[in-house]
PDB file of N, CA and C in Angstrom:
ATOM      1  N   MET A   1       7.665  13.691 -19.734  1.00  0.00           N
ATOM      2  CA  MET A   1       8.588  14.111 -18.178  1.00  0.00           C
ATOM      3  C   MET A   1       9.776  15.418 -18.812  1.00  0.00           C
ATOM      4  N   ASP A   2       9.651  15.450 -19.978  1.00  0.00           N
ATOM      5  CA  ASP A   2      10.576  16.234 -20.588  1.00  0.00           C
ATOM      6  C   ASP A   2       9.456  17.947 -20.742  1.00  0.00           C
ATOM      7  N   SER A   3       8.547  17.203 -21.087  1.00  0.00           N
ATOM      8  CA  SER A   3       7.464  18.383 -21.843  1.00  0.00           C
ATOM      9  C   SER A   3       6.988  19.535 -20.148  1.00  0.00           C
ATOM     10  N   LEU A   4       6.705  18.563 -19.669  1.00  0.00           N
ATOM     11  CA  LEU A   4       6.266  19.116 -18.030  1.00  0.00           C
ATOM     12  C   LEU A   4       7.260  19.867 -17.593  1.00  0.00           C
ATOM     13  N   GLU A   5       9.004  19.501 -17.726  1.00  0.00           N
ATOM     14  CA  GLU A   5       9.880  20.395 -17.320  1.00  0.00           C
ATOM     15  C   GLU A   5       9.679  21.715 -17.949  1.00  0.00           C
ATOM     16  N   GLU A   6       9.711  21.584 -19.182  1.00  0.00           N
ATOM     17  CA  GLU A   6       9.931  22.646 -19.847  1.00  0.00           C
ATOM     18  C   GLU A   6       8.886  23.771 -19.605  1.00  0.00           C
ATOM     19  N   ASP A   7       7.552  23.405 -19.431  1.00  0.00           N
ATOM     20  CA  ASP A   7       6.509  24.187 -19.028  1.00  0.00           C
ATOM     21  C   ASP A   7       6.650  24.519 -17.853  1.00  0.00           C
ATOM     22  N   ASP A   8       6.497  23.812 -16.615  1.00  0.00           N
ATOM     23  CA  ASP A   8       6.544  23.974 -15.413  1.00  0.00           C
ATOM     24  C   ASP A   8       6.810  23.330 -14.360  1.00  0.00           C
ATOM     25  N   GLU A   9       8.046  24.381 -14.404  1.00  0.00           N
ATOM     26  CA  GLU A   9       9.249  23.705 -13.788  1.00  0.00           C
ATOM     27  C   GLU A   9       8.940  23.267 -12.028  1.00  0.00           C
ATOM     28  N   GLU A  10       7.677  23.928 -11.182  1.00  0.00           N
ATOM     29  CA  GLU A  10       7.072  23.438  -9.973  1.00  0.00           C
ATOM     30  C   GLU A  10       6.851  22.435 -10.243  1.00  0.00           C
ATOM     31  N   LYS A  11       5.616  21.941 -11.271  1.00  0.00           N
ATOM     32  CA  LYS A  11       4.777  21.234 -11.358  1.00  0.00           C
ATOM     33  C   LYS A  11       5.757  19.414 -11.144  1.00  0.00           C
ATOM     34  N   TYR A  12       6.582  19.956 -12.408  1.00  0.00           N
ATOM     35  CA  TYR A  12       7.632  18.997 -12.706  1.00  0.00           C
ATOM     36  C   TYR A  12       8.272  18.362 -11.049  1.00  0.00           C
ATOM     37  N   LYS A  13       8.798  19.329 -10.648  1.00  0.00           N
ATOM     38  CA  LYS A  13       9.699  18.848  -9.431  1.00  0.00           C
ATOM     39  C   LYS A  13       9.177  18.037  -8.103  1.00  0.00           C
ATOM     40  N   ARG A  14       7.475  18.820  -8.318  1.00  0.00           N
ATOM     41  CA  ARG A  14       6.338  18.138  -7.214  1.00  0.00           C
ATOM     42  C   ARG A  14       6.544  16.793  -7.600  1.00  0.00           C
ATOM     43  N   GLN A  15       5.824  16.452  -9.035  1.00  0.00           N
ATOM     44  CA  GLN A  15       5.758  15.195  -9.473  1.00  0.00           C
ATOM     45  C   GLN A  15       6.432  13.933  -9.830  1.00  0.00           C
ATOM     46  N   PHE A  16       7.473  14.498  -9.882  1.00  0.00           N
ATOM     47  CA  PHE A  16       8.561  13.434  -9.754  1.00  0.00           C
ATOM     48  C   PHE A  16       9.715  13.825  -8.864  1.00  0.00           C
ATOM     49  N   ALA A  17       9.469  13.923  -7.670  1.00  0.00           N
ATOM     50  CA  ALA A  17      10.071  14.067  -6.495  1.00  0.00           C
ATOM     51  C   ALA A  17      11.441  13.191  -6.063  1.00  0.00           C
ATOM     52  N   LYS A  18      10.570  12.203  -6.045  1.00  0.00           N
ATOM     53  CA  LYS A  18      11.304  10.426  -5.360  1.00  0.00           C
ATOM     54  C   LYS A  18      12.231  10.313  -6.790  1.00  0.00           C
ATOM     55  N   TYR A  19      11.408  10.494  -8.179  1.00  0.00           N
ATOM     56  CA  TYR A  19      12.763  10.267  -8.946  1.00  0.00           C
ATOM     57  C   TYR A  19      14.190  11.075  -8.807  1.00  0.00           C
ATOM     58  N   LEU A  20      13.820  12.423  -9.132  1.00  0.00           N
ATOM     59  CA  LEU A  20      14.564  13.459  -8.614  1.00  0.00           C
ATOM     60  C   LEU A  20      16.096  13.517  -7.315  1.00  0.00           C
ATOM     61  N   GLU A  21      15.118  12.578  -6.269  1.00  0.00           N
ATOM     62  CA  GLU A  21      15.977  12.070  -5.180  1.00  0.00           C
ATOM     63  C   GLU A  21      16.883  10.942  -5.238  1.00  0.00           C
ATOM     64  N   ASP A  22      16.549  10.358  -6.790  1.00  0.00           N
ATOM     65  CA  ASP A  22      17.702   8.745  -6.284  1.00  0.00           C
ATOM     66  C   ASP A  22      18.306   9.619  -8.215  1.00  0.00           C
ATOM     67  N   ASP A  23      18.362  10.341  -8.672  1.00  0.00           N
ATOM     68  CA  ASP A  23      19.387  11.141  -9.572  1.00  0.00           C
ATOM     69  C   ASP A  23      18.458  10.063 -10.859  1.00  0.00           C
ATOM     70  N   ILE A  24      17.425  10.275 -11.040  1.00  0.00           N
ATOM     71  CA  ILE A  24      16.962   9.817 -12.010  1.00  0.00           C
ATOM     72  C   ILE A  24      15.884  11.013 -12.975  1.00  0.00           C
ATOM     73  N   THR A  25      16.784  10.706 -14.500  1.00  0.00           N
ATOM     74  CA  THR A  25      16.219  11.973 -15.698  1.00  0.00           C
ATOM     75  C   THR A  25      15.489  11.368 -16.409  1.00  0.00           C
ATOM     76  N   SER A  26      14.729  11.912 -17.586  1.00  0.00           N
ATOM     77  CA  SER A  26      14.039  11.097 -18.427  1.00  0.00           C
ATOM     78  C   SER A  26      15.099  10.831 -19.380  1.00  0.00           C
ATOM     79  N   ASP A  27      16.016  11.273 -18.825  1.00  0.00           N
ATOM     80  CA  ASP A  27      17.769  10.356 -20.315  1.00  0.00           C
ATOM     81  C   ASP A  27      17.511   9.007 -19.535  1.00  0.00           C
ATOM     82  N   THR A  28      17.763   8.764 -18.532  1.00  0.00           N
ATOM     83  CA  THR A  28      18.211   7.758 -17.789  1.00  0.00           C
ATOM     84  C   THR A  28      17.195   6.686 -16.966  1.00  0.00           C
ATOM     85  N   LEU A  29      15.556   7.167 -17.844  1.00  0.00           N
ATOM     86  CA  LEU A  29      14.439   5.990 -17.252  1.00  0.00           C
ATOM     87  C   LEU A  29      14.288   4.838 -17.244  1.00  0.00           C
ATOM     88  N   GLU A  30      15.050   5.312 -18.859  1.00  0.00           N
ATOM     89  CA  GLU A  30      14.499   3.954 -20.109  1.00  0.00           C
ATOM     90  C   GLU A  30      15.632   2.841 -19.596  1.00  0.00           C
ATOM     91  N   ASP A  31      16.779   3.184 -18.899  1.00  0.00           N
ATOM     92  CA  ASP A  31      17.777   2.166 -18.118  1.00  0.00           C
ATOM     93  C   ASP A  31      17.376   1.907 -16.964  1.00  0.00           C
ATOM     94  N   VAL A  32      16.984   2.172 -16.294  1.00  0.00           N
ATOM     95  CA  VAL A  32      16.206   2.070 -14.896  1.00  0.00           C
ATOM     96  C   VAL A  32      15.285   1.336 -15.288  1.00  0.00           C
ATOM     97  N   TYR A  33      14.589   0.744 -16.241  1.00  0.00           N
ATOM     98  CA  TYR A  33      13.367  -0.001 -16.749  1.00  0.00           C
ATOM     99  C   TYR A  33      13.865  -1.350 -17.174  1.00  0.00           C
ATOM    100  N   ARG A  34      15.042  -1.426 -18.026  1.00  0.00           N
ATOM    101  CA  ARG A  34      15.319  -2.018 -18.753  1.00  0.00           C
ATOM    102  C   ARG A  34      16.631  -2.978 -17.722  1.00  0.00           C
ATOM    103  N   GLU A  35      17.434  -2.397 -16.938  1.00  0.00           N
ATOM    104  CA  GLU A  35      17.844  -3.080 -15.618  1.00  0.00           C
ATOM    105  C   GLU A  35      17.163  -3.600 -14.724  1.00  0.00           C
ATOM    106  N   ALA A  36      15.350  -3.686 -14.609  1.00  0.00           N
ATOM    107  CA  ALA A  36      14.897  -3.829 -13.841  1.00  0.00           C
ATOM    108  C   ALA A  36      14.500  -5.357 -14.246  1.00  0.00           C
ATOM    109  N   HIS A  37      13.903  -5.109 -15.837  1.00  0.00           N
ATOM    110  CA  HIS A  37      13.431  -6.304 -16.546  1.00  0.00           C
ATOM    111  C   HIS A  37      14.684  -7.093 -17.020  1.00  0.00           C
ATOM    112  N   GLU A  38      16.033  -7.011 -17.133  1.00  0.00           N
ATOM    113  CA  GLU A  38      16.957  -7.897 -16.698  1.00  0.00           C
ATOM    114  C   GLU A  38      16.882  -8.547 -15.631  1.00  0.00           C
ATOM    115  N   LYS A  39      16.858  -7.881 -14.471  1.00  0.00           N
ATOM    116  CA  LYS A  39      16.746  -8.647 -12.619  1.00  0.00           C
ATOM    117  C   LYS A  39      15.767  -9.785 -12.748  1.00  0.00           C
ATOM    118  N   ILE A  40      14.458  -9.202 -13.442  1.00  0.00           N
ATOM    119  CA  ILE A  40      13.339 -10.010 -13.338  1.00  0.00           C
ATOM    120  C   ILE A  40      13.705 -11.460 -13.868  1.00  0.00           C
ATOM    121  N   ARG A  41      14.071 -10.932 -15.093  1.00  0.00           N
ATOM    122  CA  ARG A  41      14.500 -12.426 -15.999  1.00  0.00           C
ATOM    123  C   ARG A  41      15.198 -13.359 -15.427  1.00  0.00           C
ATOM    124  N   ALA A  42      16.414 -12.406 -14.593  1.00  0.00           N
ATOM    125  CA  ALA A  42      17.448 -13.428 -14.332  1.00  0.00           C
ATOM    126  C   ALA A  42      17.034 -14.406 -13.263  1.00  0.00           C
ATOM    127  N   ASP A  43      16.414 -13.723 -12.262  1.00  0.00           N
ATOM    128  CA  ASP A  43      15.059 -14.436 -10.875  1.00  0.00           C
ATOM    129  C   ASP A  43      14.009 -13.819 -11.163  1.00  0.00           C
ATOM    130  N   PRO A  44      13.013 -14.689 -11.759  1.00  0.00           N
ATOM    131  CA  PRO A  44      11.349 -14.093 -11.646  1.00  0.00           C
ATOM    132  C   PRO A  44      10.991 -14.623 -10.605  1.00  0.00           C
ATOM    133  N   THR A  45      11.707 -15.126  -9.253  1.00  0.00           N
ATOM    134  CA  THR A  45      10.960 -15.493  -7.728  1.00  0.00           C
ATOM    135  C   THR A  45      10.669 -14.140  -7.179  1.00  0.00           C
ATOM    136  N   PHE A  46      10.109 -14.677  -6.290  1.00  0.00           N
ATOM    137  CA  PHE A  46       9.323 -13.184  -5.523  1.00  0.00           C
ATOM    138  C   PHE A  46      10.484 -13.343  -4.288  1.00  0.00           C
ATOM    139  N   THR A  47      10.937 -12.196  -4.121  1.00  0.00           N
ATOM    140  CA  THR A  47      11.330 -12.561  -2.973  1.00  0.00           C
ATOM    141  C   THR A  47      10.538 -10.803  -2.310  1.00  0.00           C
ATOM    142  N   PRO A  48      10.331 -10.809  -0.760  1.00  0.00           N
ATOM    143  CA  PRO A  48       9.740  -9.732  -0.293  1.00  0.00           C
ATOM    144  C   PRO A  48      10.566  -8.672   0.684  1.00  0.00           C
ATOM    145  N   THR A  49      10.065  -7.661   0.200  1.00  0.00           N
ATOM    146  CA  THR A  49      10.977  -6.374   0.708  1.00  0.00           C
ATOM    147  C   THR A  49      10.645  -6.135   1.897  1.00  0.00           C
ATOM    148  N   GLY A  50      11.443  -5.189   2.572  1.00  0.00           N
ATOM    149  CA  GLY A  50      10.889  -4.941   4.069  1.00  0.00           C
ATOM    150  C   GLY A  50      10.194  -3.403   4.090  1.00  0.00           C
ATOM    151  N   LYS A  51       9.557  -3.371   2.763  1.00  0.00           N
ATOM    152  CA  LYS A  51       8.804  -2.600   2.559  1.00  0.00           C
ATOM    153  C   LYS A  51       7.166  -2.595   3.777  1.00  0.00           C
ATOM    154  N   GLN A  52       6.668  -1.102   3.925  1.00  0.00           N
ATOM    155  CA  GLN A  52       5.227  -1.391   4.592  1.00  0.00           C
ATOM    156  C   GLN A  52       4.339  -1.569   4.092  1.00  0.00           C
ATOM    157  N   ALA A  53       3.749  -2.578   4.225  1.00  0.00           N
ATOM    158  CA  ALA A  53       1.988  -3.017   3.441  1.00  0.00           C
ATOM    159  C   ALA A  53       1.559  -1.711   3.224  1.00  0.00           C
ATOM    160  N   SER A  54       1.116  -2.093   1.912  1.00  0.00           N
ATOM    161  CA  SER A  54       0.084  -0.899   1.184  1.00  0.00           C
ATOM    162  C   SER A  54      -1.470  -1.033   2.374  1.00  0.00           C
ATOM    163  N   TYR A  55      -1.938   0.403   1.871  1.00  0.00           N
ATOM    164  CA  TYR A  55      -3.011   0.712   2.799  1.00  0.00           C
ATOM    165  C   TYR A  55      -4.191  -0.508   2.724  1.00  0.00           C
ATOM    166  N   ALA A  56      -4.281  -0.894   1.156  1.00  0.00           N
ATOM    167  CA  ALA A  56      -5.201  -2.212   0.812  1.00  0.00           C
ATOM    168  C   ALA A  56      -4.826  -3.401   1.599  1.00  0.00           C
ATOM    169  N   ASP A  57      -3.870  -3.322   1.990  1.00  0.00           N
ATOM    170  CA  ASP A  57      -3.362  -4.711   2.605  1.00  0.00           C
ATOM    171  C   ASP A  57      -3.873  -4.580   4.244  1.00  0.00           C
ATOM    172  N   THR A  58      -3.576  -3.415   4.642  1.00  0.00           N
ATOM    173  CA  THR A  58      -3.496  -3.462   6.519  1.00  0.00           C
ATOM    174  C   THR A  58      -5.653  -3.405   6.348  1.00  0.00           C
ATOM    175  N   LYS A  59      -6.822  -3.344   5.520  1.00  0.00           N
ATOM    176  CA  LYS A  59      -7.677  -3.142   5.726  1.00  0.00           C
ATOM    177  C   LYS A  59      -8.128  -4.608   5.613  1.00  0.00           C
ATOM    178  N   ASN A  60      -9.336  -4.902   6.455  1.00  0.00           N
ATOM    179  CA  ASN A  60     -10.047  -6.033   6.518  1.00  0.00           C
ATOM    180  C   ASN A  60     -11.204  -5.942   5.959  1.00  0.00           C
ATOM    181  N   TYR A  61     -11.549  -6.234   4.669  1.00  0.00           N
ATOM    182  CA  TYR A  61     -12.636  -6.170   4.130  1.00  0.00           C
ATOM    183  C   TYR A  61     -13.638  -7.249   4.022  1.00  0.00           C
ATOM    184  N   LYS A  62     -13.146  -8.507   4.142  1.00  0.00           N
ATOM    185  CA  LYS A  62     -14.147  -9.514   4.438  1.00  0.00           C
ATOM    186  C   LYS A  62     -14.119  -9.934   5.684  1.00  0.00           C
ATOM    187  N   GLN A  63     -15.273  -9.647   6.562  1.00  0.00           N
ATOM    188  CA  GLN A  63     -15.169  -9.966   8.067  1.00  0.00           C
ATOM    189  C   GLN A  63     -15.861 -11.525   8.117  1.00  0.00           C
ATOM    190  N   LYS A  64     -15.432 -12.169   9.129  1.00  0.00           N
ATOM    191  CA  LYS A  64     -15.595 -13.793   9.103  1.00  0.00           C
ATOM    192  C   LYS A  64     -17.093 -13.776   9.716  1.00  0.00           C
ATOM    193  N   LYS A  65     -18.314 -14.140   8.428  1.00  0.00           N
ATOM    194  CA  LYS A  65     -19.313 -14.146   9.486  1.00  0.00           C
ATOM    195  C   LYS A  65     -19.410 -15.113  10.481  1.00  0.00           C
ATOM    196  N   LEU A  66     -20.135 -14.810  11.566  1.00  0.00           N
ATOM    197  CA  LEU A  66     -20.490 -15.209  12.614  1.00  0.00           C
ATOM    198  C   LEU A  66     -21.405 -16.376  12.635  1.00  0.00           C
ATOM    199  N   SER A  67     -21.383 -17.656  13.373  1.00  0.00           N
ATOM    200  CA  SER A  67     -22.328 -18.455  13.265  1.00  0.00           C
ATOM    201  C   SER A  67     -23.730 -18.100  14.154  1.00  0.00           C
ATOM    202  N   LYS A  68     -24.336 -18.615  14.176  1.00  0.00           N
ATOM    203  CA  LYS A  68     -25.805 -18.098  14.822  1.00  0.00           C
ATOM    204  C   LYS A  68     -25.922 -18.183  16.870  1.00  0.00           C
ATOM    205  N   GLU A  69     -24.678 -19.153  16.961  1.00  0.00           N
ATOM    206  CA  GLU A  69     -24.421 -19.337  18.735  1.00  0.00           C
ATOM    207  C   GLU A  69     -23.515 -18.131  18.868  1.00  0.00           C
ATOM    208  N   GLU A  70     -22.205 -17.945  18.116  1.00  0.00           N
ATOM    209  CA  GLU A  70     -21.489 -16.706  18.188  1.00  0.00           C
ATOM    210  C   GLU A  70     -22.548 -15.569  18.078  1.00  0.00           C
ATOM    211  N   ARG A  71     -23.683 -15.557  17.171  1.00  0.00           N
ATOM    212  CA  ARG A  71     -24.004 -13.953  17.376  1.00  0.00           C
ATOM    213  C   ARG A  71     -24.710 -13.831  18.719  1.00  0.00           C
ATOM    214  N   GLN A  72     -25.621 -15.004  19.423  1.00  0.00           N
ATOM    215  CA  GLN A  72     -25.913 -15.228  20.419  1.00  0.00           C
ATOM    216  C   GLN A  72     -25.152 -14.670  21.606  1.00  0.00           C
ATOM    217  N   GLU A  73     -24.091 -15.109  21.693  1.00  0.00           N
ATOM    218  CA  GLU A  73     -23.300 -14.930  22.754  1.00  0.00           C
ATOM    219  C   GLU A  73     -22.640 -13.505  22.795  1.00  0.00           C
ATOM    220  N   ARG A  74     -22.719 -13.168  21.552  1.00  0.00           N
ATOM    221  CA  ARG A  74     -22.452 -11.516  21.489  1.00  0.00           C
ATOM    222  C   ARG A  74     -23.148 -10.584  22.407  1.00  0.00           C
ATOM    223  N   VAL A  75     -24.248 -11.187  21.755  1.00  0.00           N
ATOM    224  CA  VAL A  75     -25.406 -10.126  22.281  1.00  0.00           C
ATOM    225  C   VAL A  75     -25.278 -10.099  23.824  1.00  0.00           C
ATOM    226  N   HIS A  76     -25.710 -11.602  24.477  1.00  0.00           N
ATOM    227  CA  HIS A  76     -25.311 -11.717  25.500  1.00  0.00           C
ATOM    228  C   HIS A  76     -24.303 -11.327  26.406  1.00  0.00           C
ATOM    229  N   GLN A  77     -23.145 -11.006  25.849  1.00  0.00           N
ATOM    230  CA  GLN A  77     -22.019 -10.528  26.320  1.00  0.00           C
ATOM    231  C   GLN A  77     -22.542  -9.189  26.670  1.00  0.00           C
ATOM    232  N   LYS A  78     -23.103  -8.693  25.550  1.00  0.00           N
ATOM    233  CA  LYS A  78     -23.250  -6.971  25.686  1.00  0.00           C
ATOM    234  C   LYS A  78     -24.034  -6.766  26.724  1.00  0.00           C
ATOM    235  N   LEU A  79     -24.801  -7.767  26.794  1.00  0.00           N
ATOM    236  CA  LEU A  79     -26.271  -7.469  27.808  1.00  0.00           C
ATOM    237  C   LEU A  79     -25.377  -7.369  29.112  1.00  0.00           C
ATOM    238  N   ARG A  80     -24.366  -8.275  29.893  1.00  0.00           N
ATOM    239  CA  ARG A  80     -23.807  -8.677  30.172  1.00  0.00           C
ATOM    240  C   ARG A  80     -23.041  -7.283  30.780  1.00  0.00           C
ATOM    241  N   GLU A  81     -21.968  -6.662  29.878  1.00  0.00           N
ATOM    242  CA  GLU A  81     -21.321  -5.264  30.065  1.00  0.00           C
ATOM    243  C   GLU A  81     -22.414  -4.209  30.001  1.00  0.00           C
ATOM    244  N   ILE A  82     -23.732  -3.930  29.761  1.00  0.00           N
ATOM    245  CA  ILE A  82     -24.390  -3.037  30.302  1.00  0.00           C
ATOM    246  C   ILE A  82     -25.028  -3.191  31.721  1.00  0.00           C
ATOM    247  N   GLN A  83     -25.486  -4.272  32.402  1.00  0.00           N
ATOM    248  CA  GLN A  83     -25.812  -4.559  33.647  1.00  0.00           C
ATOM    249  C   GLN A  83     -24.851  -4.408  34.425  1.00  0.00           C
ATOM    250  N   ALA A  84     -23.632  -5.017  33.990  1.00  0.00           N
ATOM    251  CA  ALA A  84     -22.614  -4.461  34.925  1.00  0.00           C
ATOM    252  C   ALA A  84     -22.366  -2.374  35.152  1.00  0.00           C
ATOM    253  N   GLU A  85     -22.548  -2.109  33.968  1.00  0.00           N
ATOM    254  CA  GLU A  85     -21.978  -0.754  34.239  1.00  0.00           C
ATOM    255  C   GLU A  85     -23.511  -0.100  35.301  1.00  0.00           C
ATOM    256  N   ARG A  86     -24.497  -0.576  34.917  1.00  0.00           N
ATOM    257  CA  ARG A  86     -25.523   0.001  36.111  1.00  0.00           C
ATOM    258  C   ARG A  86     -25.441  -0.729  37.217  1.00  0.00           C
ATOM    259  N   SER A  87     -24.946  -1.537  37.704  1.00  0.00           N
ATOM    260  CA  SER A  87     -24.750  -1.602  39.066  1.00  0.00           C
ATOM    261  C   SER A  87     -22.987  -1.398  39.795  1.00  0.00           C
TER     262      SER A  87
END
């Protein structure tokens, strides 16, 4: 963090923008982690936050397999829709 700040100020500000918003510098970063670990050790139970779900949580990667009857019904439903459009 320090070396990037010395080498390229623009890149440093872009890469650590969230840290800079919260007034976290390379000197205080260790304290932030230490406080977080102390809080976890004090109460290790999971408490959900109000944050938005991540992109991976919103995707449905595994779709439920349809039974033969469900697949056939789906085909018949599509055929009925096509016939309804034609008439």
